[in-house]
Structure formats: C-alpha cells, structure tokens
Amino acid sequence: MSVRLGTRQVEFKGPPGSAVIYPSNTLHEVKPVTAGDRLVGLTFIESLVRDPVFRELLYQLDEVAALEGLTMSWENRTRLQYVRSSLRRIWGEA
C-alpha cells in the first residue's frame, strides 16, 4: 500500500496481521496481492477537533514535542504541553 503524505508517496508493507491507519482524506493506493489472501477491516475514528486545519496545527505541535523529546528544557516542554492542551480544549468538541 502507498499513502500520499504531503508531497511524498510513502510505501507500507507490514508483516501479516498489521494495519495502516491514515486520515480518510488521504490519497492512497492498495497494491495487488501477489501471494496469499488480503483480509480488509474498515473502521472510522472521529476526532474531537473537527476543523482539519486545527488538527494539522496540533499534529505539528505534537511532532515538535516528539522530535525534540528529552533534549527540550523542562520549562519549554511544559510551555509546549500547556499550549497543546489549551488548544485541544478550545477547539475540541465533547
């Protein structure tokens, strides 16, 4: 399977039983099965943040936190977490 992420086409081929999860508005392509069977399960996950632009901004903030990891100072990590949590509360729907 391949998924379009921004300007990149990303290929996935996991071991048997694995799953690929991606947003429903993502362009994707399922490759032909060359051996064995393909079993497919579909499900949908609803985000608490309805607006896709807001979701993308939160995703980018999460990426910064993940990429910086423990190299970020405690003060900056705490400030970033405060902003992320506050935006989720403001933009989120219960």
PDB file of N, CA and C in Angstrom:
ATOM      1  N   MET A   1       0.847  -1.165   0.000  1.00  0.00           N
ATOM      2  CA  MET A   1       0.000   0.000   0.000  1.00  0.00           C
ATOM      3  C   MET A   1       0.887   1.221   0.000  1.00  0.00           C
ATOM      4  N   SER A   2       0.397   2.284  -0.590  1.00  0.00           N
ATOM      5  CA  SER A   2       1.116   3.546  -0.528  1.00  0.00           C
ATOM      6  C   SER A   2       0.137   4.645  -0.127  1.00  0.00           C
ATOM      7  N   VAL A   3       0.655   5.626   0.589  1.00  0.00           N
ATOM      8  CA  VAL A   3      -0.146   6.745   1.086  1.00  0.00           C
ATOM      9  C   VAL A   3       0.584   8.022   0.721  1.00  0.00           C
ATOM     10  N   ARG A   4      -0.149   9.001   0.246  1.00  0.00           N
ATOM     11  CA  ARG A   4       0.422  10.302  -0.097  1.00  0.00           C
ATOM     12  C   ARG A   4       0.430  11.155   1.160  1.00  0.00           C
ATOM     13  N   LEU A   5       1.623  11.540   1.630  1.00  0.00           N
ATOM     14  CA  LEU A   5       1.783  12.406   2.801  1.00  0.00           C
ATOM     15  C   LEU A   5       2.443  13.696   2.335  1.00  0.00           C
ATOM     16  N   GLY A   6       1.650  14.731   2.172  1.00  0.00           N
ATOM     17  CA  GLY A   6       2.174  15.984   1.636  1.00  0.00           C
ATOM     18  C   GLY A   6       2.613  15.777   0.200  1.00  0.00           C
ATOM     19  N   THR A   7       3.889  16.011  -0.057  1.00  0.00           N
ATOM     20  CA  THR A   7       4.423  15.813  -1.410  1.00  0.00           C
ATOM     21  C   THR A   7       5.096  14.462  -1.572  1.00  0.00           C
ATOM     22  N   ARG A   8       5.087  13.647  -0.521  1.00  0.00           N
ATOM     23  CA  ARG A   8       5.770  12.346  -0.549  1.00  0.00           C
ATOM     24  C   ARG A   8       4.790  11.197  -0.702  1.00  0.00           C
ATOM     25  N   GLN A   9       5.196  10.199  -1.466  1.00  0.00           N
ATOM     26  CA  GLN A   9       4.456   8.943  -1.561  1.00  0.00           C
ATOM     27  C   GLN A   9       5.186   7.959  -0.642  1.00  0.00           C
ATOM     28  N   VAL A  10       4.505   7.444   0.390  1.00  0.00           N
ATOM     29  CA  VAL A  10       5.128   6.562   1.368  1.00  0.00           C
ATOM     30  C   VAL A  10       4.588   5.150   1.172  1.00  0.00           C
ATOM     31  N   GLU A  11       5.505   4.187   1.045  1.00  0.00           N
ATOM     32  CA  GLU A  11       5.137   2.787   0.826  1.00  0.00           C
ATOM     33  C   GLU A  11       5.095   2.040   2.162  1.00  0.00           C
ATOM     34  N   PHE A  12       4.108   1.156   2.319  1.00  0.00           N
ATOM     35  CA  PHE A  12       3.977   0.315   3.505  1.00  0.00           C
ATOM     36  C   PHE A  12       3.842  -1.139   3.074  1.00  0.00           C
ATOM     37  N   LYS A  13       4.556  -2.012   3.744  1.00  0.00           N
ATOM     38  CA  LYS A  13       4.361  -3.452   3.583  1.00  0.00           C
ATOM     39  C   LYS A  13       4.707  -4.075   4.931  1.00  0.00           C
ATOM     40  N   GLY A  14       3.688  -4.217   5.741  1.00  0.00           N
ATOM     41  CA  GLY A  14       3.895  -4.742   7.082  1.00  0.00           C
ATOM     42  C   GLY A  14       3.804  -6.256   7.106  1.00  0.00           C
ATOM     43  N   PRO A  15       4.134  -6.834   8.226  1.00  0.00           N
ATOM     44  CA  PRO A  15       4.006  -8.288   8.375  1.00  0.00           C
ATOM     45  C   PRO A  15       2.530  -8.690   8.403  1.00  0.00           C
ATOM     46  N   PRO A  16       2.225  -9.960   8.192  1.00  0.00           N
ATOM     47  CA  PRO A  16       0.833 -10.418   8.244  1.00  0.00           C
ATOM     48  C   PRO A  16       0.159  -9.982   9.549  1.00  0.00           C
ATOM     49  N   GLY A  17      -1.064  -9.483   9.423  1.00  0.00           N
ATOM     50  CA  GLY A  17      -1.815  -9.046  10.594  1.00  0.00           C
ATOM     51  C   GLY A  17      -1.618  -7.587  10.949  1.00  0.00           C
ATOM     52  N   SER A  18      -0.747  -6.896  10.228  1.00  0.00           N
ATOM     53  CA  SER A  18      -0.503  -5.488  10.554  1.00  0.00           C
ATOM     54  C   SER A  18      -1.573  -4.598   9.930  1.00  0.00           C
ATOM     55  N   ALA A  19      -1.632  -3.349  10.375  1.00  0.00           N
ATOM     56  CA  ALA A  19      -2.617  -2.392   9.887  1.00  0.00           C
ATOM     57  C   ALA A  19      -1.943  -1.060   9.604  1.00  0.00           C
ATOM     58  N   VAL A  20      -2.516  -0.319   8.686  1.00  0.00           N
ATOM     59  CA  VAL A  20      -2.069   1.034   8.381  1.00  0.00           C
ATOM     60  C   VAL A  20      -3.248   1.954   8.662  1.00  0.00           C
ATOM     61  N   ILE A  21      -3.027   2.977   9.460  1.00  0.00           N
ATOM     62  CA  ILE A  21      -4.082   3.928   9.813  1.00  0.00           C
ATOM     63  C   ILE A  21      -3.700   5.284   9.239  1.00  0.00           C
ATOM     64  N   TYR A  22      -4.648   5.901   8.544  1.00  0.00           N
ATOM     65  CA  TYR A  22      -4.386   7.192   7.914  1.00  0.00           C
ATOM     66  C   TYR A  22      -5.703   7.965   7.828  1.00  0.00           C
ATOM     67  N   PRO A  23      -5.629   9.293   7.731  1.00  0.00           N
ATOM     68  CA  PRO A  23      -6.855  10.101   7.637  1.00  0.00           C
ATOM     69  C   PRO A  23      -7.656   9.747   6.384  1.00  0.00           C
ATOM     70  N   SER A  24      -8.971   9.824   6.484  1.00  0.00           N
ATOM     71  CA  SER A  24      -9.836   9.425   5.371  1.00  0.00           C
ATOM     72  C   SER A  24      -9.708  10.333   4.158  1.00  0.00           C
ATOM     73  N   ASN A  25      -9.160  11.525   4.332  1.00  0.00           N
ATOM     74  CA  ASN A  25      -8.984  12.413   3.187  1.00  0.00           C
ATOM     75  C   ASN A  25      -7.613  12.258   2.530  1.00  0.00           C
ATOM     76  N   THR A  26      -6.884  11.203   2.891  1.00  0.00           N
ATOM     77  CA  THR A  26      -5.549  10.955   2.361  1.00  0.00           C
ATOM     78  C   THR A  26      -5.636  10.108   1.099  1.00  0.00           C
ATOM     79  N   LEU A  27      -4.971  10.551   0.054  1.00  0.00           N
ATOM     80  CA  LEU A  27      -4.897   9.783  -1.185  1.00  0.00           C
ATOM     81  C   LEU A  27      -4.057   8.537  -0.926  1.00  0.00           C
ATOM     82  N   HIS A  28      -4.579   7.366  -1.303  1.00  0.00           N
ATOM     83  CA  HIS A  28      -3.858   6.122  -1.061  1.00  0.00           C
ATOM     84  C   HIS A  28      -4.086   5.163  -2.223  1.00  0.00           C
ATOM     85  N   GLU A  29      -3.229   4.155  -2.280  1.00  0.00           N
ATOM     86  CA  GLU A  29      -3.322   3.128  -3.314  1.00  0.00           C
ATOM     87  C   GLU A  29      -3.031   1.774  -2.680  1.00  0.00           C
ATOM     88  N   VAL A  30      -3.885   0.814  -2.961  1.00  0.00           N
ATOM     89  CA  VAL A  30      -3.681  -0.542  -2.464  1.00  0.00           C
ATOM     90  C   VAL A  30      -3.052  -1.351  -3.585  1.00  0.00           C
ATOM     91  N   LYS A  31      -1.934  -1.968  -3.305  1.00  0.00           N
ATOM     92  CA  LYS A  31      -1.200  -2.755  -4.310  1.00  0.00           C
ATOM     93  C   LYS A  31      -1.835  -4.140  -4.462  1.00  0.00           C
ATOM     94  N   PRO A  32      -1.696  -4.761  -5.637  1.00  0.00           N
ATOM     95  CA  PRO A  32      -2.245  -6.109  -5.846  1.00  0.00           C
ATOM     96  C   PRO A  32      -1.581  -7.142  -4.925  1.00  0.00           C
ATOM     97  N   VAL A  33      -2.351  -8.129  -4.522  1.00  0.00           N
ATOM     98  CA  VAL A  33      -1.840  -9.243  -3.728  1.00  0.00           C
ATOM     99  C   VAL A  33      -1.113 -10.191  -4.671  1.00  0.00           C
ATOM    100  N   THR A  34       0.136 -10.522  -4.354  1.00  0.00           N
ATOM    101  CA  THR A  34       0.907 -11.430  -5.219  1.00  0.00           C
ATOM    102  C   THR A  34       0.957 -12.843  -4.658  1.00  0.00           C
ATOM    103  N   ALA A  35       0.659 -12.998  -3.373  1.00  0.00           N
ATOM    104  CA  ALA A  35       0.622 -14.333  -2.763  1.00  0.00           C
ATOM    105  C   ALA A  35      -0.291 -14.280  -1.538  1.00  0.00           C
ATOM    106  N   GLY A  36      -1.064 -15.332  -1.320  1.00  0.00           N
ATOM    107  CA  GLY A  36      -1.938 -15.389  -0.148  1.00  0.00           C
ATOM    108  C   GLY A  36      -3.213 -14.597  -0.351  1.00  0.00           C
ATOM    109  N   ASP A  37      -3.862 -14.240   0.749  1.00  0.00           N
ATOM    110  CA  ASP A  37      -5.139 -13.528   0.722  1.00  0.00           C
ATOM    111  C   ASP A  37      -5.011 -12.204   1.460  1.00  0.00           C
ATOM    112  N   ARG A  38      -5.837 -11.261   1.063  1.00  0.00           N
ATOM    113  CA  ARG A  38      -5.911  -9.988   1.779  1.00  0.00           C
ATOM    114  C   ARG A  38      -7.261  -9.941   2.493  1.00  0.00           C
ATOM    115  N   LEU A  39      -7.219  -9.754   3.787  1.00  0.00           N
ATOM    116  CA  LEU A  39      -8.425  -9.534   4.568  1.00  0.00           C
ATOM    117  C   LEU A  39      -8.437  -8.062   4.963  1.00  0.00           C
ATOM    118  N   VAL A  40      -9.544  -7.409   4.764  1.00  0.00           N
ATOM    119  CA  VAL A  40      -9.632  -5.970   4.996  1.00  0.00           C
ATOM    120  C   VAL A  40     -10.649  -5.685   6.082  1.00  0.00           C
ATOM    121  N   GLY A  41     -10.302  -4.813   6.988  1.00  0.00           N
ATOM    122  CA  GLY A  41     -11.231  -4.329   8.004  1.00  0.00           C
ATOM    123  C   GLY A  41     -11.247  -2.810   7.945  1.00  0.00           C
ATOM    124  N   LEU A  42     -12.417  -2.230   7.887  1.00  0.00           N
ATOM    125  CA  LEU A  42     -12.547  -0.773   7.839  1.00  0.00           C
ATOM    126  C   LEU A  42     -13.155  -0.275   9.138  1.00  0.00           C
ATOM    127  N   THR A  43     -12.649   0.833   9.607  1.00  0.00           N
ATOM    128  CA  THR A  43     -13.218   1.473  10.775  1.00  0.00           C
ATOM    129  C   THR A  43     -12.990   2.969  10.636  1.00  0.00           C
ATOM    130  N   PHE A  44     -13.707   3.735  11.403  1.00  0.00           N
ATOM    131  CA  PHE A  44     -13.550   5.180  11.372  1.00  0.00           C
ATOM    132  C   PHE A  44     -13.330   5.670  12.791  1.00  0.00           C
ATOM    133  N   ILE A  45     -12.457   6.642  12.918  1.00  0.00           N
ATOM    134  CA  ILE A  45     -12.161   7.259  14.201  1.00  0.00           C
ATOM    135  C   ILE A  45     -12.538   8.733  14.066  1.00  0.00           C
ATOM    136  N   GLU A  46     -13.357   9.224  14.968  1.00  0.00           N
ATOM    137  CA  GLU A  46     -13.776  10.612  14.908  1.00  0.00           C
ATOM    138  C   GLU A  46     -12.895  11.447  15.825  1.00  0.00           C
ATOM    139  N   SER A  47     -12.387  12.522  15.293  1.00  0.00           N
ATOM    140  CA  SER A  47     -11.550  13.411  16.080  1.00  0.00           C
ATOM    141  C   SER A  47     -12.415  14.351  16.907  1.00  0.00           C
ATOM    142  N   LEU A  48     -11.951  14.702  18.080  1.00  0.00           N
ATOM    143  CA  LEU A  48     -12.632  15.705  18.889  1.00  0.00           C
ATOM    144  C   LEU A  48     -12.431  17.104  18.320  1.00  0.00           C
ATOM    145  N   VAL A  49     -11.426  17.257  17.434  1.00  0.00           N
ATOM    146  CA  VAL A  49     -11.161  18.545  16.797  1.00  0.00           C
ATOM    147  C   VAL A  49     -11.682  18.456  15.362  1.00  0.00           C
ATOM    148  N   ARG A  50     -12.801  19.098  15.109  1.00  0.00           N
ATOM    149  CA  ARG A  50     -13.499  18.965  13.829  1.00  0.00           C
ATOM    150  C   ARG A  50     -12.727  19.596  12.664  1.00  0.00           C
ATOM    151  N   ASP A  51     -12.170  20.768  12.853  1.00  0.00           N
ATOM    152  CA  ASP A  51     -11.534  21.504  11.760  1.00  0.00           C
ATOM    153  C   ASP A  51     -10.202  20.862  11.375  1.00  0.00           C
ATOM    154  N   PRO A  52     -10.030  20.458  10.103  1.00  0.00           N
ATOM    155  CA  PRO A  52      -8.777  19.810   9.696  1.00  0.00           C
ATOM    156  C   PRO A  52      -7.555  20.719   9.806  1.00  0.00           C
ATOM    157  N   VAL A  53      -7.739  22.020   9.658  1.00  0.00           N
ATOM    158  CA  VAL A  53      -6.610  22.948   9.809  1.00  0.00           C
ATOM    159  C   VAL A  53      -6.139  22.956  11.262  1.00  0.00           C
ATOM    160  N   PHE A  54      -7.081  22.979  12.201  1.00  0.00           N
ATOM    161  CA  PHE A  54      -6.715  22.947  13.617  1.00  0.00           C
ATOM    162  C   PHE A  54      -6.052  21.621  13.971  1.00  0.00           C
ATOM    163  N   ARG A  55      -6.595  20.521  13.423  1.00  0.00           N
ATOM    164  CA  ARG A  55      -5.981  19.203  13.677  1.00  0.00           C
ATOM    165  C   ARG A  55      -4.544  19.168  13.174  1.00  0.00           C
ATOM    166  N   GLU A  56      -4.302  19.749  11.999  1.00  0.00           N
ATOM    167  CA  GLU A  56      -2.946  19.772  11.442  1.00  0.00           C
ATOM    168  C   GLU A  56      -2.007  20.589  12.329  1.00  0.00           C
ATOM    169  N   LEU A  57      -2.484  21.712  12.836  1.00  0.00           N
ATOM    170  CA  LEU A  57      -1.651  22.520  13.737  1.00  0.00           C
ATOM    171  C   LEU A  57      -1.299  21.745  15.003  1.00  0.00           C
ATOM    172  N   LEU A  58      -2.272  21.056  15.576  1.00  0.00           N
ATOM    173  CA  LEU A  58      -1.993  20.239  16.759  1.00  0.00           C
ATOM    174  C   LEU A  58      -1.015  19.121  16.423  1.00  0.00           C
ATOM    175  N   TYR A  59      -1.178  18.524  15.250  1.00  0.00           N
ATOM    176  CA  TYR A  59      -0.256  17.472  14.823  1.00  0.00           C
ATOM    177  C   TYR A  59       1.169  18.021  14.740  1.00  0.00           C
ATOM    178  N   GLN A  60       1.331  19.203  14.163  1.00  0.00           N
ATOM    179  CA  GLN A  60       2.661  19.801  14.040  1.00  0.00           C
ATOM    180  C   GLN A  60       3.270  20.077  15.416  1.00  0.00           C
ATOM    181  N   LEU A  61       2.463  20.551  16.351  1.00  0.00           N
ATOM    182  CA  LEU A  61       2.968  20.760  17.713  1.00  0.00           C
ATOM    183  C   LEU A  61       3.378  19.438  18.353  1.00  0.00           C
ATOM    184  N   ASP A  62       2.592  18.391  18.120  1.00  0.00           N
ATOM    185  CA  ASP A  62       2.939  17.068  18.647  1.00  0.00           C
ATOM    186  C   ASP A  62       4.246  16.570  18.029  1.00  0.00           C
ATOM    187  N   GLU A  63       4.440  16.846  16.745  1.00  0.00           N
ATOM    188  CA  GLU A  63       5.679  16.451  16.071  1.00  0.00           C
ATOM    189  C   GLU A  63       6.883  17.158  16.688  1.00  0.00           C
ATOM    190  N   VAL A  64       6.755  18.442  16.968  1.00  0.00           N
ATOM    191  CA  VAL A  64       7.851  19.181  17.613  1.00  0.00           C
ATOM    192  C   VAL A  64       8.195  18.532  18.945  1.00  0.00           C
ATOM    193  N   ALA A  65       7.160  18.233  19.736  1.00  0.00           N
ATOM    194  CA  ALA A  65       7.395  17.602  21.038  1.00  0.00           C
ATOM    195  C   ALA A  65       8.091  16.253  20.871  1.00  0.00           C
ATOM    196  N   ALA A  66       7.657  15.467  19.888  1.00  0.00           N
ATOM    197  CA  ALA A  66       8.255  14.145  19.672  1.00  0.00           C
ATOM    198  C   ALA A  66       9.692  14.261  19.168  1.00  0.00           C
ATOM    199  N   LEU A  67       9.928  15.175  18.252  1.00  0.00           N
ATOM    200  CA  LEU A  67      11.279  15.314  17.678  1.00  0.00           C
ATOM    201  C   LEU A  67      12.276  15.878  18.689  1.00  0.00           C
ATOM    202  N   GLU A  68      11.822  16.796  19.505  1.00  0.00           N
ATOM    203  CA  GLU A  68      12.713  17.392  20.500  1.00  0.00           C
ATOM    204  C   GLU A  68      12.925  16.459  21.692  1.00  0.00           C
ATOM    205  N   GLY A  69      11.877  15.711  22.027  1.00  0.00           N
ATOM    206  CA  GLY A  69      11.990  14.725  23.094  1.00  0.00           C
ATOM    207  C   GLY A  69      12.572  15.284  24.368  1.00  0.00           C
ATOM    208  N   LEU A  70      13.487  14.549  24.920  1.00  0.00           N
ATOM    209  CA  LEU A  70      14.076  14.934  26.210  1.00  0.00           C
ATOM    210  C   LEU A  70      15.177  15.979  26.078  1.00  0.00           C
ATOM    211  N   THR A  71      15.513  16.372  24.835  1.00  0.00           N
ATOM    212  CA  THR A  71      16.531  17.409  24.673  1.00  0.00           C
ATOM    213  C   THR A  71      15.954  18.797  24.958  1.00  0.00           C
ATOM    214  N   MET A  72      14.622  18.910  24.950  1.00  0.00           N
ATOM    215  CA  MET A  72      13.982  20.188  25.230  1.00  0.00           C
ATOM    216  C   MET A  72      14.037  20.448  26.735  1.00  0.00           C
ATOM    217  N   SER A  73      14.242  21.698  27.092  1.00  0.00           N
ATOM    218  CA  SER A  73      14.280  22.030  28.517  1.00  0.00           C
ATOM    219  C   SER A  73      12.925  21.743  29.150  1.00  0.00           C
ATOM    220  N   TRP A  74      12.931  21.491  30.443  1.00  0.00           N
ATOM    221  CA  TRP A  74      11.692  21.212  31.167  1.00  0.00           C
ATOM    222  C   TRP A  74      10.727  22.381  31.021  1.00  0.00           C
ATOM    223  N   GLU A  75      11.235  23.601  31.117  1.00  0.00           N
ATOM    224  CA  GLU A  75      10.380  24.791  31.014  1.00  0.00           C
ATOM    225  C   GLU A  75       9.703  24.864  29.641  1.00  0.00           C
ATOM    226  N   ASN A  76      10.469  24.664  28.567  1.00  0.00           N
ATOM    227  CA  ASN A  76       9.884  24.728  27.226  1.00  0.00           C
ATOM    228  C   ASN A  76       8.936  23.558  26.958  1.00  0.00           C
ATOM    229  N   ARG A  77       9.267  22.386  27.451  1.00  0.00           N
ATOM    230  CA  ARG A  77       8.390  21.227  27.278  1.00  0.00           C
ATOM    231  C   ARG A  77       7.059  21.468  27.997  1.00  0.00           C
ATOM    232  N   THR A  78       7.119  22.055  29.196  1.00  0.00           N
ATOM    233  CA  THR A  78       5.916  22.368  29.956  1.00  0.00           C
ATOM    234  C   THR A  78       5.087  23.440  29.247  1.00  0.00           C
ATOM    235  N   ARG A  79       5.735  24.452  28.703  1.00  0.00           N
ATOM    236  CA  ARG A  79       5.029  25.506  27.972  1.00  0.00           C
ATOM    237  C   ARG A  79       4.362  24.948  26.720  1.00  0.00           C
ATOM    238  N   LEU A  80       5.071  24.087  26.000  1.00  0.00           N
ATOM    239  CA  LEU A  80       4.508  23.481  24.799  1.00  0.00           C
ATOM    240  C   LEU A  80       3.302  22.607  25.148  1.00  0.00           C
ATOM    241  N   GLN A  81       3.411  21.835  26.214  1.00  0.00           N
ATOM    242  CA  GLN A  81       2.293  20.986  26.645  1.00  0.00           C
ATOM    243  C   GLN A  81       1.089  21.834  27.047  1.00  0.00           C
ATOM    244  N   TYR A  82       1.330  22.961  27.697  1.00  0.00           N
ATOM    245  CA  TYR A  82       0.255  23.877  28.074  1.00  0.00           C
ATOM    246  C   TYR A  82      -0.479  24.383  26.830  1.00  0.00           C
ATOM    247  N   VAL A  83       0.268  24.800  25.813  1.00  0.00           N
ATOM    248  CA  VAL A  83      -0.337  25.300  24.578  1.00  0.00           C
ATOM    249  C   VAL A  83      -1.131  24.192  23.888  1.00  0.00           C
ATOM    250  N   ARG A  84      -0.549  23.003  23.765  1.00  0.00           N
ATOM    251  CA  ARG A  84      -1.240  21.883  23.112  1.00  0.00           C
ATOM    252  C   ARG A  84      -2.544  21.550  23.835  1.00  0.00           C
ATOM    253  N   SER A  85      -2.500  21.441  25.142  1.00  0.00           N
ATOM    254  CA  SER A  85      -3.695  21.104  25.925  1.00  0.00           C
ATOM    255  C   SER A  85      -4.745  22.200  25.831  1.00  0.00           C
ATOM    256  N   SER A  86      -4.319  23.450  25.885  1.00  0.00           N
ATOM    257  CA  SER A  86      -5.264  24.568  25.810  1.00  0.00           C
ATOM    258  C   SER A  86      -5.961  24.601  24.456  1.00  0.00           C
ATOM    259  N   LEU A  87      -5.214  24.401  23.377  1.00  0.00           N
ATOM    260  CA  LEU A  87      -5.825  24.409  22.048  1.00  0.00           C
ATOM    261  C   LEU A  87      -6.789  23.245  21.870  1.00  0.00           C
ATOM    262  N   ARG A  88      -6.456  22.080  22.422  1.00  0.00           N
ATOM    263  CA  ARG A  88      -7.389  20.946  22.343  1.00  0.00           C
ATOM    264  C   ARG A  88      -8.696  21.270  23.074  1.00  0.00           C
ATOM    265  N   ARG A  89      -8.600  21.944  24.216  1.00  0.00           N
ATOM    266  CA  ARG A  89      -9.815  22.317  24.953  1.00  0.00           C
ATOM    267  C   ARG A  89     -10.621  23.357  24.182  1.00  0.00           C
ATOM    268  N   ILE A  90      -9.945  24.349  23.585  1.00  0.00           N
ATOM    269  CA  ILE A  90     -10.629  25.412  22.851  1.00  0.00           C
ATOM    270  C   ILE A  90     -11.281  24.857  21.576  1.00  0.00           C
ATOM    271  N   TRP A  91     -10.544  24.061  20.825  1.00  0.00           N
ATOM    272  CA  TRP A  91     -11.019  23.585  19.525  1.00  0.00           C
ATOM    273  C   TRP A  91     -11.819  22.289  19.605  1.00  0.00           C
ATOM    274  N   GLY A  92     -11.732  21.597  20.719  1.00  0.00           N
ATOM    275  CA  GLY A  92     -12.356  20.289  20.824  1.00  0.00           C
ATOM    276  C   GLY A  92     -13.854  20.373  21.054  1.00  0.00           C
ATOM    277  N   GLU A  93     -14.508  19.284  20.696  1.00  0.00           N
ATOM    278  CA  GLU A  93     -15.947  19.153  20.918  1.00  0.00           C
ATOM    279  C   GLU A  93     -16.177  17.891  21.721  1.00  0.00           C
ATOM    280  N   ALA A  94     -16.987  17.981  22.719  1.00  0.00           N
ATOM    281  CA  ALA A  94     -17.251  16.813  23.568  1.00  0.00           C
ATOM    282  C   ALA A  94     -18.372  15.982  23.007  1.00  0.00           C
TER     283      ALA A  94
END
